[in-house]
Amino acid sequence: MLANKSEASPKTKIAVAAKAVAQKSVARAVPFAASPNKVAESQAVYSAREQRLRSERSLFSVLLAPDDLTGDFSRDMGIVNLVHNRLPLSVIDRLLAEGVSKQEINLVAPQRTLAHRRANEERLTIDESDRAVRLARVVAQTESVFGNKEKAMAWLRQPMKRFEGLSPIEMLVTDVGSRMVEEALVQIDEGFFA
């Protein structure tokens, strides 16, 4: 298929969508006693961890969201419903634009299968959708922890002793492996050496 040159690239669409999601999030006001008189003031208070989590959820929703950005990713059931409704192939394009290589996309489905689905305008299967969610979730979490796409992808591709010589991205083949990677990222985020 030839793409219309007037259409925005996947990277541009991701940037625009991420900006839209970020603008929709509103800072919470947390009342606190500012003086001995306990006069409550309203001030937006966020820890660095909360900001990273919002950033992670924002990127995760941009990677998975259908083109209309109507998915509810704040609830696990929203993600479950997305998987059961089978994700569109545009998710693969957004993952590629985010820095995931074509070889790493094989975690979702083989290139030949994806080409067949694209030619027939089919959606991913439920299993493929589940694996795409797993990959998107870890990519978003890694970028949130490292604060940089290049550092995040380098960490995901580096073989590690804790994974018996496998890279974190290779661990995503199974759900158990992806949970181990997510646990390592939480430890890094909280200041533990991983």
N, C-alpha and C. Protein backbone atom coordinates (compact mmCIF):
# COMPACT_ATOMS: atom_id res chain seq x y z
N MET A 1 0.83 -1.17 0.00
CA MET A 1 0.00 0.00 0.00
C MET A 1 0.89 1.24 0.00
N LEU A 2 0.51 2.21 -0.77
CA LEU A 2 1.24 3.46 -0.79
C LEU A 2 0.60 4.41 0.20
N ALA A 3 1.42 5.05 0.99
CA ALA A 3 0.91 5.98 1.99
C ALA A 3 0.79 7.36 1.38
N ASN A 4 -0.23 8.06 1.74
CA ASN A 4 -0.43 9.42 1.30
C ASN A 4 0.61 10.29 2.00
N LYS A 5 1.38 11.06 1.23
CA LYS A 5 2.45 11.86 1.81
C LYS A 5 1.93 12.95 2.71
N SER A 6 0.66 13.31 2.55
CA SER A 6 0.09 14.36 3.39
C SER A 6 -0.28 13.84 4.78
N GLU A 7 -0.33 12.51 4.96
CA GLU A 7 -0.66 11.95 6.27
C GLU A 7 0.56 12.04 7.18
N ALA A 8 0.31 12.14 8.46
CA ALA A 8 1.39 12.23 9.43
C ALA A 8 2.03 10.86 9.62
N SER A 9 3.33 10.86 9.93
CA SER A 9 4.04 9.61 10.17
C SER A 9 3.59 9.03 11.51
N PRO A 10 3.84 7.71 11.74
CA PRO A 10 3.47 7.12 13.03
C PRO A 10 4.13 7.84 14.20
N LYS A 11 5.39 8.29 14.04
CA LYS A 11 6.07 8.99 15.13
C LYS A 11 5.36 10.30 15.44
N THR A 12 4.93 11.01 14.41
CA THR A 12 4.22 12.27 14.61
C THR A 12 2.88 12.02 15.29
N LYS A 13 2.18 10.96 14.84
CA LYS A 13 0.88 10.63 15.46
C LYS A 13 1.06 10.29 16.93
N ILE A 14 2.13 9.55 17.28
CA ILE A 14 2.38 9.20 18.68
C ILE A 14 2.64 10.45 19.49
N ALA A 15 3.46 11.36 18.96
CA ALA A 15 3.78 12.59 19.68
C ALA A 15 2.53 13.43 19.90
N VAL A 16 1.71 13.57 18.87
CA VAL A 16 0.49 14.36 18.97
C VAL A 16 -0.48 13.71 19.96
N ALA A 17 -0.63 12.40 19.88
CA ALA A 17 -1.55 11.69 20.78
C ALA A 17 -1.06 11.77 22.22
N ALA A 18 0.25 11.62 22.44
CA ALA A 18 0.79 11.71 23.80
C ALA A 18 0.55 13.09 24.38
N LYS A 19 0.71 14.12 23.55
CA LYS A 19 0.48 15.49 24.00
C LYS A 19 -1.00 15.67 24.38
N ALA A 20 -1.89 15.11 23.58
CA ALA A 20 -3.33 15.23 23.85
C ALA A 20 -3.69 14.53 25.15
N VAL A 21 -3.12 13.34 25.38
CA VAL A 21 -3.39 12.60 26.61
C VAL A 21 -2.84 13.37 27.81
N ALA A 22 -1.63 13.93 27.66
CA ALA A 22 -1.03 14.68 28.76
C ALA A 22 -1.84 15.92 29.10
N GLN A 23 -2.41 16.58 28.07
CA GLN A 23 -3.20 17.77 28.32
C GLN A 23 -4.51 17.43 29.02
N LYS A 24 -5.02 16.22 28.78
CA LYS A 24 -6.27 15.81 29.41
C LYS A 24 -6.10 15.51 30.89
N SER A 25 -4.87 15.08 31.28
CA SER A 25 -4.68 14.78 32.70
C SER A 25 -4.56 16.08 33.48
N VAL A 26 -5.31 16.15 34.53
CA VAL A 26 -5.36 17.36 35.33
C VAL A 26 -4.71 17.06 36.67
N ALA A 27 -3.90 18.00 37.15
CA ALA A 27 -3.23 17.82 38.43
C ALA A 27 -4.24 17.74 39.56
N ARG A 28 -4.04 16.77 40.43
CA ARG A 28 -4.92 16.64 41.60
C ARG A 28 -4.52 17.68 42.64
N ALA A 29 -5.51 18.21 43.27
CA ALA A 29 -5.25 19.14 44.37
C ALA A 29 -5.32 18.36 45.67
N VAL A 30 -4.28 18.49 46.48
CA VAL A 30 -4.23 17.78 47.75
C VAL A 30 -4.20 18.81 48.86
N PRO A 31 -5.24 18.82 49.68
CA PRO A 31 -5.25 19.80 50.77
C PRO A 31 -4.26 19.39 51.86
N PHE A 32 -3.63 20.38 52.47
CA PHE A 32 -2.75 20.12 53.58
C PHE A 32 -2.73 21.33 54.50
N ALA A 33 -2.32 21.11 55.72
CA ALA A 33 -2.27 22.20 56.69
C ALA A 33 -0.96 22.94 56.50
N ALA A 34 -1.02 24.20 56.13
CA ALA A 34 0.17 24.97 55.84
C ALA A 34 0.65 25.77 57.05
N SER A 35 -0.18 25.88 58.07
CA SER A 35 0.20 26.67 59.24
C SER A 35 -0.30 25.98 60.50
N PRO A 36 0.17 26.47 61.64
CA PRO A 36 -0.33 25.89 62.89
C PRO A 36 -1.84 26.04 63.02
N ASN A 37 -2.39 27.02 62.36
CA ASN A 37 -3.84 27.22 62.41
C ASN A 37 -4.58 26.20 61.57
N LYS A 38 -3.84 25.34 60.92
CA LYS A 38 -4.39 24.28 60.07
C LYS A 38 -5.32 24.83 59.00
N VAL A 39 -4.88 25.90 58.37
CA VAL A 39 -5.62 26.45 57.26
C VAL A 39 -5.31 25.57 56.05
N ALA A 40 -6.32 24.96 55.51
CA ALA A 40 -6.12 24.04 54.40
C ALA A 40 -5.90 24.83 53.12
N GLU A 41 -4.88 24.46 52.41
CA GLU A 41 -4.62 25.06 51.10
C GLU A 41 -4.68 23.95 50.08
N SER A 42 -4.97 24.34 48.88
CA SER A 42 -5.03 23.37 47.80
C SER A 42 -3.81 23.55 46.92
N GLN A 43 -3.05 22.49 46.77
CA GLN A 43 -1.84 22.56 45.96
C GLN A 43 -1.66 21.22 45.27
N ALA A 44 -1.21 21.28 44.03
CA ALA A 44 -0.95 20.04 43.30
C ALA A 44 0.34 19.44 43.82
N VAL A 45 0.24 18.25 44.39
CA VAL A 45 1.40 17.58 44.96
C VAL A 45 1.56 16.22 44.31
N TYR A 46 2.67 16.04 43.67
CA TYR A 46 2.96 14.76 43.04
C TYR A 46 4.38 14.36 43.37
N SER A 47 4.57 13.12 43.64
CA SER A 47 5.93 12.62 43.80
C SER A 47 6.46 12.31 42.42
N ALA A 48 7.75 12.17 42.32
CA ALA A 48 8.37 11.83 41.04
C ALA A 48 7.84 10.49 40.54
N ARG A 49 7.58 9.58 41.47
CA ARG A 49 7.06 8.26 41.11
C ARG A 49 5.68 8.38 40.46
N GLU A 50 4.80 9.19 41.03
CA GLU A 50 3.46 9.38 40.47
C GLU A 50 3.54 9.99 39.07
N GLN A 51 4.46 10.93 38.87
CA GLN A 51 4.62 11.54 37.56
C GLN A 51 5.10 10.52 36.54
N ARG A 52 6.04 9.64 36.95
CA ARG A 52 6.52 8.60 36.03
C ARG A 52 5.40 7.62 35.69
N LEU A 53 4.56 7.30 36.70
CA LEU A 53 3.45 6.39 36.43
C LEU A 53 2.45 6.99 35.46
N ARG A 54 2.16 8.29 35.60
CA ARG A 54 1.27 8.95 34.65
C ARG A 54 1.88 8.95 33.26
N SER A 55 3.18 9.21 33.18
CA SER A 55 3.87 9.21 31.90
C SER A 55 3.81 7.81 31.27
N GLU A 56 4.03 6.78 32.10
CA GLU A 56 3.98 5.40 31.63
C GLU A 56 2.59 5.05 31.10
N ARG A 57 1.55 5.40 31.86
CA ARG A 57 0.18 5.13 31.42
C ARG A 57 -0.14 5.89 30.14
N SER A 58 0.37 7.10 30.04
CA SER A 58 0.12 7.92 28.86
C SER A 58 0.74 7.26 27.63
N LEU A 59 2.01 6.85 27.72
CA LEU A 59 2.66 6.20 26.59
C LEU A 59 1.99 4.88 26.28
N PHE A 60 1.64 4.11 27.31
CA PHE A 60 0.98 2.82 27.13
C PHE A 60 -0.33 3.01 26.37
N SER A 61 -1.12 4.00 26.75
CA SER A 61 -2.39 4.23 26.08
C SER A 61 -2.18 4.69 24.64
N VAL A 62 -1.15 5.47 24.39
CA VAL A 62 -0.86 5.91 23.02
C VAL A 62 -0.44 4.73 22.16
N LEU A 63 0.36 3.82 22.72
CA LEU A 63 0.81 2.67 21.95
C LEU A 63 -0.34 1.73 21.60
N LEU A 64 -1.30 1.59 22.50
CA LEU A 64 -2.38 0.62 22.29
C LEU A 64 -3.66 1.21 21.73
N ALA A 65 -3.87 2.48 21.94
CA ALA A 65 -5.16 3.08 21.65
C ALA A 65 -5.54 2.94 20.19
N PRO A 66 -6.80 2.62 19.95
CA PRO A 66 -7.29 2.72 18.58
C PRO A 66 -7.13 4.16 18.13
N ASP A 67 -7.20 4.38 16.85
CA ASP A 67 -6.91 5.70 16.29
C ASP A 67 -7.77 6.81 16.88
N ASP A 68 -8.93 6.48 17.45
CA ASP A 68 -9.78 7.53 18.02
C ASP A 68 -9.47 7.83 19.48
N LEU A 69 -8.52 7.09 20.10
CA LEU A 69 -8.09 7.32 21.48
C LEU A 69 -9.25 7.27 22.48
N THR A 70 -10.18 6.35 22.29
CA THR A 70 -11.30 6.27 23.22
C THR A 70 -11.16 5.16 24.24
N GLY A 71 -10.10 4.39 24.20
CA GLY A 71 -9.95 3.28 25.13
C GLY A 71 -9.78 3.77 26.56
N ASP A 72 -10.29 2.97 27.52
CA ASP A 72 -10.15 3.30 28.93
C ASP A 72 -9.03 2.43 29.49
N PHE A 73 -7.84 3.04 29.63
CA PHE A 73 -6.67 2.29 30.07
C PHE A 73 -6.40 2.47 31.55
N SER A 74 -7.26 3.20 32.23
CA SER A 74 -7.08 3.40 33.66
C SER A 74 -7.55 2.16 34.43
N ARG A 75 -8.37 1.36 33.80
CA ARG A 75 -8.88 0.14 34.42
C ARG A 75 -8.35 -1.07 33.66
N ASP A 76 -8.04 -2.12 34.39
CA ASP A 76 -7.56 -3.34 33.76
C ASP A 76 -8.59 -3.93 32.80
N MET A 77 -9.88 -3.78 33.14
CA MET A 77 -10.93 -4.34 32.28
C MET A 77 -10.96 -3.64 30.92
N GLY A 78 -10.57 -2.39 30.87
CA GLY A 78 -10.48 -1.69 29.59
C GLY A 78 -9.46 -2.36 28.68
N ILE A 79 -8.35 -2.77 29.27
CA ILE A 79 -7.30 -3.44 28.50
C ILE A 79 -7.75 -4.84 28.11
N VAL A 80 -8.40 -5.53 29.04
CA VAL A 80 -8.92 -6.87 28.74
C VAL A 80 -9.90 -6.80 27.57
N ASN A 81 -10.78 -5.81 27.59
CA ASN A 81 -11.75 -5.66 26.49
C ASN A 81 -11.05 -5.36 25.18
N LEU A 82 -10.00 -4.55 25.22
CA LEU A 82 -9.23 -4.29 23.99
C LEU A 82 -8.66 -5.58 23.42
N VAL A 83 -8.09 -6.40 24.30
CA VAL A 83 -7.49 -7.67 23.85
C VAL A 83 -8.57 -8.58 23.27
N HIS A 84 -9.70 -8.69 23.95
CA HIS A 84 -10.78 -9.56 23.46
C HIS A 84 -11.40 -9.06 22.16
N ASN A 85 -11.36 -7.75 21.96
CA ASN A 85 -11.88 -7.20 20.70
C ASN A 85 -10.83 -7.24 19.59
N ARG A 86 -9.65 -7.70 19.92
CA ARG A 86 -8.54 -7.87 18.97
C ARG A 86 -8.03 -6.51 18.48
N LEU A 87 -6.77 -6.28 18.75
CA LEU A 87 -6.14 -5.00 18.40
C LEU A 87 -5.94 -4.88 16.90
N PRO A 88 -5.98 -3.65 16.38
CA PRO A 88 -5.68 -3.43 14.97
C PRO A 88 -4.18 -3.49 14.72
N LEU A 89 -3.78 -3.69 13.48
CA LEU A 89 -2.36 -3.76 13.13
C LEU A 89 -1.64 -2.43 13.33
N SER A 90 -2.37 -1.35 13.49
CA SER A 90 -1.72 -0.05 13.73
C SER A 90 -0.92 -0.07 15.04
N VAL A 91 -1.25 -0.98 15.95
CA VAL A 91 -0.48 -1.13 17.19
C VAL A 91 0.95 -1.53 16.86
N ILE A 92 1.11 -2.42 15.89
CA ILE A 92 2.44 -2.86 15.46
C ILE A 92 3.22 -1.66 14.91
N ASP A 93 2.56 -0.84 14.10
CA ASP A 93 3.21 0.35 13.54
C ASP A 93 3.66 1.30 14.64
N ARG A 94 2.82 1.47 15.67
CA ARG A 94 3.19 2.37 16.77
C ARG A 94 4.36 1.80 17.58
N LEU A 95 4.39 0.49 17.77
CA LEU A 95 5.51 -0.13 18.48
C LEU A 95 6.80 0.03 17.68
N LEU A 96 6.71 -0.15 16.36
CA LEU A 96 7.89 0.05 15.51
C LEU A 96 8.37 1.50 15.57
N ALA A 97 7.44 2.44 15.56
CA ALA A 97 7.80 3.86 15.64
C ALA A 97 8.42 4.20 16.99
N GLU A 98 8.08 3.43 18.02
CA GLU A 98 8.61 3.69 19.36
C GLU A 98 10.02 3.12 19.54
N GLY A 99 10.50 2.35 18.56
CA GLY A 99 11.87 1.85 18.64
C GLY A 99 12.01 0.35 18.70
N VAL A 100 10.89 -0.37 18.75
CA VAL A 100 10.94 -1.83 18.74
C VAL A 100 11.31 -2.27 17.33
N SER A 101 12.27 -3.20 17.22
CA SER A 101 12.72 -3.64 15.90
C SER A 101 11.74 -4.66 15.30
N LYS A 102 11.86 -4.88 14.00
CA LYS A 102 11.00 -5.86 13.33
C LYS A 102 11.24 -7.25 13.90
N GLN A 103 12.49 -7.55 14.25
CA GLN A 103 12.79 -8.85 14.84
C GLN A 103 12.10 -9.00 16.20
N GLU A 104 12.08 -7.92 16.98
CA GLU A 104 11.43 -7.97 18.29
C GLU A 104 9.91 -8.04 18.18
N ILE A 105 9.37 -7.55 17.08
CA ILE A 105 7.92 -7.65 16.84
C ILE A 105 7.52 -9.11 16.68
N ASN A 106 8.49 -9.98 16.36
CA ASN A 106 8.20 -11.42 16.28
C ASN A 106 7.67 -11.96 17.60
N LEU A 107 7.88 -11.23 18.70
CA LEU A 107 7.28 -11.63 19.98
C LEU A 107 5.76 -11.62 19.89
N VAL A 108 5.24 -10.74 19.05
CA VAL A 108 3.79 -10.63 18.87
C VAL A 108 3.32 -11.66 17.84
N ALA A 109 3.94 -11.63 16.68
CA ALA A 109 3.61 -12.57 15.59
C ALA A 109 4.73 -12.52 14.56
N PRO A 110 4.94 -13.62 13.83
CA PRO A 110 5.97 -13.62 12.78
C PRO A 110 5.65 -12.59 11.69
N GLN A 111 6.68 -12.07 11.06
CA GLN A 111 6.52 -11.05 10.01
C GLN A 111 5.60 -11.53 8.89
N ARG A 112 5.74 -12.78 8.52
CA ARG A 112 4.91 -13.32 7.44
C ARG A 112 3.42 -13.31 7.81
N THR A 113 3.13 -13.66 9.06
CA THR A 113 1.75 -13.63 9.54
C THR A 113 1.21 -12.21 9.55
N LEU A 114 2.04 -11.28 10.00
CA LEU A 114 1.61 -9.88 10.03
C LEU A 114 1.38 -9.34 8.62
N ALA A 115 2.23 -9.75 7.67
CA ALA A 115 2.06 -9.32 6.28
C ALA A 115 0.75 -9.87 5.72
N HIS A 116 0.44 -11.13 6.06
CA HIS A 116 -0.82 -11.74 5.62
C HIS A 116 -2.01 -10.99 6.22
N ARG A 117 -1.93 -10.69 7.51
CA ARG A 117 -3.03 -9.96 8.16
C ARG A 117 -3.21 -8.57 7.54
N ARG A 118 -2.09 -7.93 7.24
CA ARG A 118 -2.14 -6.59 6.64
C ARG A 118 -2.77 -6.65 5.25
N ALA A 119 -2.38 -7.66 4.46
CA ALA A 119 -2.92 -7.81 3.11
C ALA A 119 -4.43 -8.07 3.12
N ASN A 120 -4.88 -8.80 4.12
CA ASN A 120 -6.30 -9.13 4.23
C ASN A 120 -7.07 -8.19 5.16
N GLU A 121 -6.41 -7.14 5.61
CA GLU A 121 -7.01 -6.15 6.51
C GLU A 121 -7.63 -6.81 7.73
N GLU A 122 -6.90 -7.76 8.31
CA GLU A 122 -7.37 -8.46 9.51
C GLU A 122 -6.76 -7.83 10.75
N ARG A 123 -7.39 -8.08 11.88
CA ARG A 123 -6.86 -7.63 13.17
C ARG A 123 -5.97 -8.73 13.75
N LEU A 124 -5.23 -8.40 14.80
CA LEU A 124 -4.45 -9.40 15.51
C LEU A 124 -5.41 -10.38 16.19
N THR A 125 -4.95 -11.61 16.42
CA THR A 125 -5.77 -12.56 17.19
C THR A 125 -5.75 -12.14 18.65
N ILE A 126 -6.53 -12.81 19.47
CA ILE A 126 -6.54 -12.50 20.90
C ILE A 126 -5.17 -12.77 21.51
N ASP A 127 -4.55 -13.90 21.16
CA ASP A 127 -3.22 -14.21 21.69
C ASP A 127 -2.19 -13.18 21.23
N GLU A 128 -2.23 -12.80 19.97
CA GLU A 128 -1.31 -11.79 19.45
C GLU A 128 -1.56 -10.44 20.12
N SER A 129 -2.82 -10.11 20.34
CA SER A 129 -3.17 -8.86 21.02
C SER A 129 -2.62 -8.86 22.44
N ASP A 130 -2.73 -10.00 23.11
CA ASP A 130 -2.21 -10.12 24.48
C ASP A 130 -0.70 -9.91 24.50
N ARG A 131 0.00 -10.51 23.53
CA ARG A 131 1.45 -10.34 23.47
C ARG A 131 1.83 -8.90 23.11
N ALA A 132 1.02 -8.25 22.27
CA ALA A 132 1.27 -6.84 21.92
C ALA A 132 1.09 -5.95 23.15
N VAL A 133 0.08 -6.24 23.96
CA VAL A 133 -0.14 -5.49 25.20
C VAL A 133 1.04 -5.68 26.14
N ARG A 134 1.51 -6.91 26.26
CA ARG A 134 2.66 -7.22 27.12
C ARG A 134 3.89 -6.42 26.68
N LEU A 135 4.15 -6.42 25.38
CA LEU A 135 5.30 -5.68 24.84
C LEU A 135 5.14 -4.18 25.05
N ALA A 136 3.96 -3.65 24.76
CA ALA A 136 3.71 -2.21 24.93
C ALA A 136 3.83 -1.80 26.40
N ARG A 137 3.32 -2.64 27.29
CA ARG A 137 3.38 -2.32 28.73
C ARG A 137 4.82 -2.23 29.21
N VAL A 138 5.66 -3.19 28.79
CA VAL A 138 7.06 -3.18 29.23
C VAL A 138 7.83 -2.05 28.58
N VAL A 139 7.57 -1.78 27.30
CA VAL A 139 8.25 -0.66 26.64
C VAL A 139 7.89 0.65 27.34
N ALA A 140 6.61 0.85 27.65
CA ALA A 140 6.18 2.08 28.33
C ALA A 140 6.80 2.18 29.72
N GLN A 141 6.82 1.07 30.46
CA GLN A 141 7.39 1.09 31.80
C GLN A 141 8.89 1.37 31.74
N THR A 142 9.59 0.77 30.79
CA THR A 142 11.04 0.97 30.67
C THR A 142 11.36 2.41 30.32
N GLU A 143 10.62 2.98 29.38
CA GLU A 143 10.84 4.38 29.01
C GLU A 143 10.54 5.30 30.18
N SER A 144 9.54 4.97 30.96
CA SER A 144 9.20 5.78 32.13
C SER A 144 10.31 5.73 33.17
N VAL A 145 10.86 4.55 33.41
CA VAL A 145 11.92 4.39 34.40
C VAL A 145 13.21 5.08 33.96
N PHE A 146 13.60 4.90 32.70
CA PHE A 146 14.86 5.46 32.22
C PHE A 146 14.72 6.89 31.71
N GLY A 147 13.50 7.32 31.42
CA GLY A 147 13.27 8.68 30.99
C GLY A 147 13.78 9.01 29.61
N ASN A 148 14.15 7.98 28.84
CA ASN A 148 14.75 8.20 27.54
C ASN A 148 14.53 6.94 26.70
N LYS A 149 14.03 7.13 25.50
CA LYS A 149 13.71 6.00 24.62
C LYS A 149 14.94 5.17 24.28
N GLU A 150 16.05 5.84 23.96
CA GLU A 150 17.27 5.13 23.56
C GLU A 150 17.84 4.30 24.72
N LYS A 151 17.90 4.89 25.92
CA LYS A 151 18.39 4.16 27.08
C LYS A 151 17.48 2.98 27.40
N ALA A 152 16.19 3.20 27.29
CA ALA A 152 15.22 2.15 27.58
C ALA A 152 15.40 0.96 26.64
N MET A 153 15.50 1.24 25.34
CA MET A 153 15.64 0.15 24.37
C MET A 153 17.00 -0.55 24.53
N ALA A 154 18.04 0.21 24.88
CA ALA A 154 19.35 -0.41 25.12
C ALA A 154 19.28 -1.36 26.31
N TRP A 155 18.60 -0.95 27.38
CA TRP A 155 18.46 -1.82 28.55
C TRP A 155 17.67 -3.07 28.20
N LEU A 156 16.59 -2.91 27.44
CA LEU A 156 15.76 -4.06 27.07
C LEU A 156 16.52 -5.08 26.22
N ARG A 157 17.53 -4.62 25.49
CA ARG A 157 18.26 -5.51 24.57
C ARG A 157 19.54 -6.09 25.17
N GLN A 158 19.91 -5.65 26.36
CA GLN A 158 21.16 -6.08 26.98
C GLN A 158 20.98 -7.41 27.73
N PRO A 159 21.80 -8.44 27.40
CA PRO A 159 21.73 -9.69 28.16
C PRO A 159 22.07 -9.44 29.63
N MET A 160 21.37 -10.13 30.52
CA MET A 160 21.57 -9.89 31.95
C MET A 160 21.77 -11.19 32.71
N LYS A 161 22.63 -11.09 33.71
CA LYS A 161 22.93 -12.24 34.55
C LYS A 161 21.68 -12.71 35.30
N ARG A 162 20.86 -11.77 35.75
CA ARG A 162 19.67 -12.13 36.53
C ARG A 162 18.66 -12.92 35.69
N PHE A 163 18.76 -12.81 34.36
CA PHE A 163 17.88 -13.57 33.46
C PHE A 163 18.65 -14.69 32.76
N GLU A 164 19.72 -15.13 33.41
CA GLU A 164 20.56 -16.23 32.91
C GLU A 164 21.06 -15.98 31.49
N GLY A 165 21.49 -14.75 31.24
CA GLY A 165 22.08 -14.40 29.95
C GLY A 165 21.09 -13.94 28.90
N LEU A 166 19.81 -13.99 29.19
CA LEU A 166 18.81 -13.50 28.25
C LEU A 166 18.62 -12.00 28.45
N SER A 167 18.22 -11.33 27.39
CA SER A 167 17.90 -9.91 27.51
C SER A 167 16.48 -9.78 28.03
N PRO A 168 16.14 -8.63 28.64
CA PRO A 168 14.77 -8.44 29.11
C PRO A 168 13.73 -8.63 28.00
N ILE A 169 14.04 -8.18 26.80
CA ILE A 169 13.05 -8.31 25.72
C ILE A 169 12.84 -9.78 25.34
N GLU A 170 13.88 -10.60 25.49
CA GLU A 170 13.73 -12.04 25.23
C GLU A 170 12.88 -12.70 26.32
N MET A 171 12.87 -12.11 27.50
CA MET A 171 12.07 -12.66 28.60
C MET A 171 10.57 -12.45 28.37
N LEU A 172 10.22 -11.56 27.45
CA LEU A 172 8.80 -11.24 27.22
C LEU A 172 8.06 -12.33 26.46
N VAL A 173 8.75 -13.39 26.09
CA VAL A 173 8.10 -14.49 25.39
C VAL A 173 7.01 -15.11 26.25
N THR A 174 7.22 -15.10 27.56
CA THR A 174 6.21 -15.66 28.47
C THR A 174 5.71 -14.58 29.42
N ASP A 175 4.53 -14.81 29.98
CA ASP A 175 3.97 -13.88 30.94
C ASP A 175 4.83 -13.85 32.22
N VAL A 176 5.31 -15.02 32.65
CA VAL A 176 6.16 -15.09 33.84
C VAL A 176 7.43 -14.28 33.61
N GLY A 177 8.02 -14.42 32.44
CA GLY A 177 9.23 -13.66 32.12
C GLY A 177 8.98 -12.16 32.11
N SER A 178 7.83 -11.75 31.56
CA SER A 178 7.53 -10.32 31.53
C SER A 178 7.32 -9.77 32.94
N ARG A 179 6.75 -10.58 33.82
CA ARG A 179 6.58 -10.13 35.21
C ARG A 179 7.94 -9.97 35.89
N MET A 180 8.89 -10.84 35.58
CA MET A 180 10.24 -10.71 36.13
C MET A 180 10.91 -9.42 35.63
N VAL A 181 10.70 -9.08 34.36
CA VAL A 181 11.24 -7.84 33.80
C VAL A 181 10.59 -6.64 34.48
N GLU A 182 9.28 -6.68 34.66
CA GLU A 182 8.58 -5.58 35.32
C GLU A 182 9.06 -5.42 36.76
N GLU A 183 9.31 -6.53 37.44
CA GLU A 183 9.83 -6.48 38.80
C GLU A 183 11.21 -5.83 38.83
N ALA A 184 12.07 -6.19 37.87
CA ALA A 184 13.40 -5.58 37.78
C ALA A 184 13.28 -4.08 37.56
N LEU A 185 12.34 -3.65 36.73
CA LEU A 185 12.15 -2.22 36.46
C LEU A 185 11.67 -1.48 37.70
N VAL A 186 10.79 -2.11 38.48
CA VAL A 186 10.34 -1.50 39.73
C VAL A 186 11.53 -1.34 40.68
N GLN A 187 12.39 -2.35 40.75
CA GLN A 187 13.56 -2.27 41.61
C GLN A 187 14.50 -1.16 41.16
N ILE A 188 14.70 -1.00 39.87
CA ILE A 188 15.54 0.09 39.35
C ILE A 188 14.90 1.43 39.71
N ASP A 189 13.60 1.52 39.51
CA ASP A 189 12.88 2.77 39.77
C ASP A 189 12.96 3.16 41.24
N GLU A 190 12.99 2.16 42.12
CA GLU A 190 13.04 2.43 43.55
C GLU A 190 14.47 2.54 44.09
N GLY A 191 15.45 2.45 43.18
CA GLY A 191 16.83 2.68 43.59
C GLY A 191 17.64 1.43 43.88
N PHE A 192 17.08 0.26 43.66
CA PHE A 192 17.83 -0.96 43.84
C PHE A 192 18.64 -1.24 42.59
N PHE A 193 19.80 -1.85 42.74
CA PHE A 193 20.61 -2.20 41.58
C PHE A 193 20.03 -3.43 40.94
N ALA A 194 19.82 -3.39 39.62
CA ALA A 194 19.27 -4.57 38.93
C ALA A 194 20.11 -4.91 37.73
